[in-house]
């Protein structure tokens, strides 16, 4: 296992909630350092992703980067790049990269399999005209070399649904005049009077044996809506 995937803070909470065995198994079985086929599919189809950076003092900043699907390109087995388009001129993300190369990227699918992909690595800002010219309308390019690549469970991720389904289910709709879609909360999202189902990953052979021994009861009272009974 890598030396820096978890730090003392992570370990302290893992031990408090008896999840160190699970955390170690997820690192050894799920974390990787080169793109998998699933990673490639998610990145190739992405029209946006979230980018976390920090300044020289470690103060964080998070932004969203968007473009046409394919605007993020894989340039090596552990490397990607994306264009920096015309923006508000603050250069918070790219400015941070100039003084602190450590970055985190989060790719999210809001439909279909609703996969999530997390990438931690080191970034650099590319100004070379030939490199920048590869990306239509780019002003600069950011190159990221991945150190940790790992899928993220979509358990609590809401689903983007069409207007018909949004009307028939308990979805949070668009503002008036824009009823084209809605956000359907995850069936796993905790709420009063409701017992969420257990996620499928907890029954996978390589993970169920390392689940925390002490698990807090959920929905232990009578009268809850238990979807596992339907």
Protein backbone atom coordinates (compact mmCIF):
# COMPACT_ATOMS: atom_id res chain seq x y z
CA UNK A 1 0.00 0.00 0.00
CA UNK A 2 1.12 3.54 -0.69
CA UNK A 3 2.67 5.54 2.14
CA UNK A 4 0.51 8.63 1.80
CA UNK A 5 -2.99 7.50 0.81
CA UNK A 6 -4.09 7.88 4.45
CA UNK A 7 -2.63 10.20 7.07
CA UNK A 8 -2.86 10.33 10.86
CA UNK A 9 -6.19 12.14 10.77
CA UNK A 10 -7.75 9.48 8.55
CA UNK A 11 -6.32 6.70 10.70
CA UNK A 12 -7.64 8.27 13.88
CA UNK A 13 -11.22 8.26 12.58
CA UNK A 14 -10.85 4.83 10.98
CA UNK A 15 -9.85 3.41 14.35
CA UNK A 16 -12.64 5.27 16.15
CA UNK A 17 -15.25 3.78 13.80
CA UNK A 18 -13.56 0.41 13.25
CA UNK A 19 -13.07 0.98 9.52
CA UNK A 20 -9.29 0.61 9.21
CA UNK A 21 -9.61 -2.90 7.74
CA UNK A 22 -12.15 -1.68 5.19
CA UNK A 23 -10.05 1.37 4.33
CA UNK A 24 -6.96 -0.77 3.77
CA UNK A 25 -8.92 -3.19 1.58
CA UNK A 26 -10.33 -0.36 -0.52
CA UNK A 27 -6.83 1.01 -1.00
CA UNK A 28 -5.35 -2.32 -2.03
CA UNK A 29 -8.29 -3.42 -4.20
CA UNK A 30 -9.65 -0.18 -5.66
CA UNK A 31 -6.93 2.47 -5.69
CA UNK A 32 -4.70 2.41 -8.79
CA UNK A 33 -2.14 4.61 -10.51
CA UNK A 34 -2.90 4.09 -14.22
CA UNK A 35 -6.17 4.58 -16.10
CA UNK A 36 -8.60 1.66 -16.17
CA UNK A 37 -11.11 1.18 -18.96
CA UNK A 38 -13.84 2.60 -16.73
CA UNK A 39 -11.70 5.66 -15.96
CA UNK A 40 -11.17 6.25 -19.66
CA UNK A 41 -14.90 6.04 -20.39
CA UNK A 42 -15.84 8.46 -17.62
CA UNK A 43 -13.23 11.03 -18.61
CA UNK A 44 -13.92 10.79 -22.36
CA UNK A 45 -17.65 11.44 -21.84
CA UNK A 46 -17.29 14.17 -19.21
CA UNK A 47 -18.63 17.65 -19.94
CA UNK A 48 -17.48 18.89 -16.53
CA UNK A 49 -15.49 17.97 -13.44
CA UNK A 50 -14.66 19.53 -10.08
CA UNK A 51 -11.13 20.76 -9.40
CA UNK A 52 -9.74 21.25 -5.90
CA UNK A 53 -6.55 23.26 -5.40
CA UNK A 54 -4.81 24.98 -2.50
CA UNK A 55 -2.54 27.98 -2.15
CA UNK A 56 0.98 27.97 -0.72
CA UNK A 57 -0.42 28.05 2.83
CA UNK A 58 -2.79 25.14 2.22
CA UNK A 59 -5.98 27.22 2.00
CA UNK A 60 -8.32 25.31 -0.32
CA UNK A 61 -10.33 26.38 -3.33
CA UNK A 62 -12.78 24.38 -5.43
CA UNK A 63 -14.11 25.15 -8.89
CA UNK A 64 -15.90 23.45 -11.74
CA UNK A 65 -14.31 23.06 -15.16
CA UNK A 66 -16.51 22.43 -18.17
CA UNK A 67 -16.43 22.01 -21.91
CA UNK A 68 -17.60 19.75 -24.69
CA UNK A 69 -17.29 16.00 -23.99
CA UNK A 70 -13.71 15.11 -24.78
CA UNK A 71 -12.27 18.42 -23.56
CA UNK A 72 -10.24 16.44 -21.01
CA UNK A 73 -7.72 14.26 -22.82
CA UNK A 74 -5.54 11.40 -21.60
CA UNK A 75 -1.95 11.87 -22.72
CA UNK A 76 -0.28 8.96 -20.89
CA UNK A 77 -1.26 6.00 -18.71
CA UNK A 78 -1.21 8.25 -15.65
CA UNK A 79 -1.60 11.69 -17.15
CA UNK A 80 -4.33 13.97 -18.46
CA UNK A 81 -4.68 17.55 -19.58
CA UNK A 82 -7.47 20.04 -19.99
CA UNK A 83 -7.76 23.54 -21.49
CA UNK A 84 -8.20 26.76 -19.60
CA UNK A 85 -10.81 28.83 -21.40
CA UNK A 86 -11.67 32.53 -21.18
CA UNK A 87 -13.01 33.18 -17.68
CA UNK A 88 -13.38 35.78 -14.96
CA UNK A 89 -9.68 36.57 -14.81
CA UNK A 90 -9.19 35.70 -11.13
CA UNK A 91 -7.02 32.64 -11.90
CA UNK A 92 -7.66 31.16 -8.48
CA UNK A 93 -7.23 27.53 -9.56
CA UNK A 94 -4.33 28.01 -11.96
CA UNK A 95 -2.73 30.56 -9.67
CA UNK A 96 -2.83 28.03 -6.86
CA UNK A 97 -1.22 25.41 -9.09
CA UNK A 98 1.69 27.76 -9.73
CA UNK A 99 2.50 27.85 -6.00
CA UNK A 100 1.19 24.43 -4.93
CA UNK A 101 0.96 21.62 -7.51
CA UNK A 102 -1.22 19.27 -5.44
CA UNK A 103 -4.73 18.91 -6.91
CA UNK A 104 -7.83 16.77 -6.60
CA UNK A 105 -10.25 16.07 -9.46
CA UNK A 106 -13.76 14.64 -9.14
CA UNK A 107 -15.69 13.35 -12.16
CA UNK A 108 -19.40 12.62 -11.67
CA UNK A 109 -22.00 10.98 -13.92
CA UNK A 110 -25.50 12.29 -13.18
CA UNK A 111 -27.24 9.72 -15.40
CA UNK A 112 -26.71 6.10 -16.42
CA UNK A 113 -24.39 4.23 -14.06
CA UNK A 114 -23.77 7.46 -12.12
CA UNK A 115 -20.13 6.57 -11.61
CA UNK A 116 -17.77 8.81 -9.67
CA UNK A 117 -14.03 9.02 -10.21
CA UNK A 118 -11.49 10.70 -7.94
CA UNK A 119 -7.97 11.65 -8.99
CA UNK A 120 -5.29 13.08 -6.73
CA UNK A 121 -2.05 14.21 -8.27
CA UNK A 122 0.31 17.00 -9.22
CA UNK A 123 -0.50 19.64 -11.82
CA UNK A 124 1.43 22.13 -13.89
CA UNK A 125 0.31 25.02 -16.06
CA UNK A 126 1.43 24.69 -19.69
CA UNK A 127 2.03 27.86 -21.70
CA UNK A 128 3.77 26.29 -24.71
CA UNK A 129 1.87 27.58 -27.80
CA UNK A 130 2.09 24.21 -29.56
CA UNK A 131 0.51 22.41 -26.61
CA UNK A 132 -2.13 25.07 -26.11
CA UNK A 133 -3.03 24.99 -29.83
CA UNK A 134 -4.17 21.37 -29.50
CA UNK A 135 -7.21 22.60 -27.57
CA UNK A 136 -9.73 24.80 -29.38
CA UNK A 137 -10.09 28.26 -27.79
CA UNK A 138 -7.66 27.45 -24.98
CA UNK A 139 -5.54 30.15 -23.38
CA UNK A 140 -3.49 27.78 -21.25
CA UNK A 141 -3.40 24.04 -20.58
CA UNK A 142 -3.24 22.23 -17.25
CA UNK A 143 -1.45 18.89 -17.12
CA UNK A 144 -2.15 16.51 -14.23
CA UNK A 145 -0.03 13.50 -13.34
CA UNK A 146 -2.08 11.13 -11.21
CA UNK A 147 -0.77 9.73 -7.95
CA UNK A 148 -3.99 8.13 -6.73
CA UNK A 149 -6.91 7.10 -8.95
CA UNK A 150 -9.95 5.52 -7.36
CA UNK A 151 -13.68 5.08 -7.96
CA UNK A 152 -16.05 6.62 -5.48
CA UNK A 153 -19.31 4.99 -4.41
CA UNK A 154 -22.34 6.86 -5.87
CA UNK A 155 -24.44 5.89 -2.84
CA UNK A 156 -25.59 9.41 -1.95
CA UNK A 157 -25.40 10.92 -5.42
CA UNK A 158 -28.73 12.33 -6.65
CA UNK A 159 -29.95 11.43 -10.10
CA UNK A 160 -30.76 13.90 -12.88
CA UNK A 161 -34.10 12.78 -14.36
CA UNK A 162 -36.36 13.98 -17.18
CA UNK A 163 -39.52 16.04 -16.66
CA UNK A 164 -41.91 13.07 -16.86
CA UNK A 165 -40.09 11.08 -14.23
CA UNK A 166 -39.55 14.18 -12.11
CA UNK A 167 -43.31 14.75 -12.09
CA UNK A 168 -44.08 11.15 -11.07
CA UNK A 169 -41.46 10.82 -8.36
CA UNK A 170 -40.33 12.97 -5.47
CA UNK A 171 -37.83 15.01 -7.42
CA UNK A 172 -36.64 18.55 -6.82
CA UNK A 173 -37.74 20.31 -10.02
CA UNK A 174 -36.18 23.13 -12.01
CA UNK A 175 -37.42 26.70 -11.34
CA UNK A 176 -40.74 27.70 -12.89
CA UNK A 177 -40.52 27.91 -16.66
CA UNK A 178 -37.66 25.42 -16.79
CA UNK A 179 -39.51 22.18 -15.97
CA UNK A 180 -37.32 20.04 -18.20
CA UNK A 181 -35.64 17.98 -15.52
CA UNK A 182 -35.40 17.37 -11.82
CA UNK A 183 -33.04 16.09 -9.18
CA UNK A 184 -34.10 12.78 -7.64
CA UNK A 185 -32.50 12.26 -4.21
CA UNK A 186 -30.65 8.99 -3.70
CA UNK A 187 -32.64 6.12 -2.18
CA UNK A 188 -29.73 5.84 0.26
CA UNK A 189 -30.08 9.41 1.54
CA UNK A 190 -31.05 9.40 5.24
CA UNK A 191 -34.33 11.08 6.14
CA UNK A 192 -36.77 10.91 9.06
CA UNK A 193 -39.13 7.92 9.04
CA UNK A 194 -37.23 6.07 6.32
CA UNK A 195 -34.90 3.07 6.42
CA UNK A 196 -32.42 3.21 3.51
CA UNK A 197 -31.34 -0.08 1.93
CA UNK A 198 -27.80 -1.34 2.37
CA UNK A 199 -25.57 -0.52 -0.63
CA UNK A 200 -24.61 -3.46 -2.83
CA UNK A 201 -20.90 -2.92 -2.30
CA UNK A 202 -21.23 -4.08 1.30
CA UNK A 203 -22.14 -7.56 0.06
CA UNK A 204 -19.16 -7.92 -2.27
CA UNK A 205 -16.99 -10.89 -1.21
CA UNK A 206 -13.78 -8.88 -0.95
CA UNK A 207 -15.37 -6.19 1.23
CA UNK A 208 -18.04 -7.76 3.43
CA UNK A 209 -15.45 -9.58 5.55
CA UNK A 210 -13.79 -6.30 6.53
CA UNK A 211 -16.86 -4.20 7.32
CA UNK A 212 -16.83 -2.43 10.69
CA UNK A 213 -17.97 -4.69 13.51
CA UNK A 214 -19.82 -1.93 15.34
CA UNK A 215 -22.39 -0.36 13.03
CA UNK A 216 -24.86 2.28 14.25
CA UNK A 217 -28.53 1.25 14.02
CA UNK A 218 -30.57 3.07 11.41
CA UNK A 219 -34.34 3.37 11.34
CA UNK A 220 -34.60 1.11 14.38
CA UNK A 221 -38.01 2.46 15.33
CA UNK A 222 -41.38 1.13 14.14
CA UNK A 223 -43.23 2.68 11.24
CA UNK A 224 -40.31 3.45 8.97
CA UNK A 225 -40.59 3.05 5.24
CA UNK A 226 -38.25 0.11 4.52
CA UNK A 227 -37.57 -0.20 0.75
CA UNK A 228 -35.96 -3.62 1.27
CA UNK A 229 -39.37 -5.06 2.17
CA UNK A 230 -41.02 -4.06 -1.11
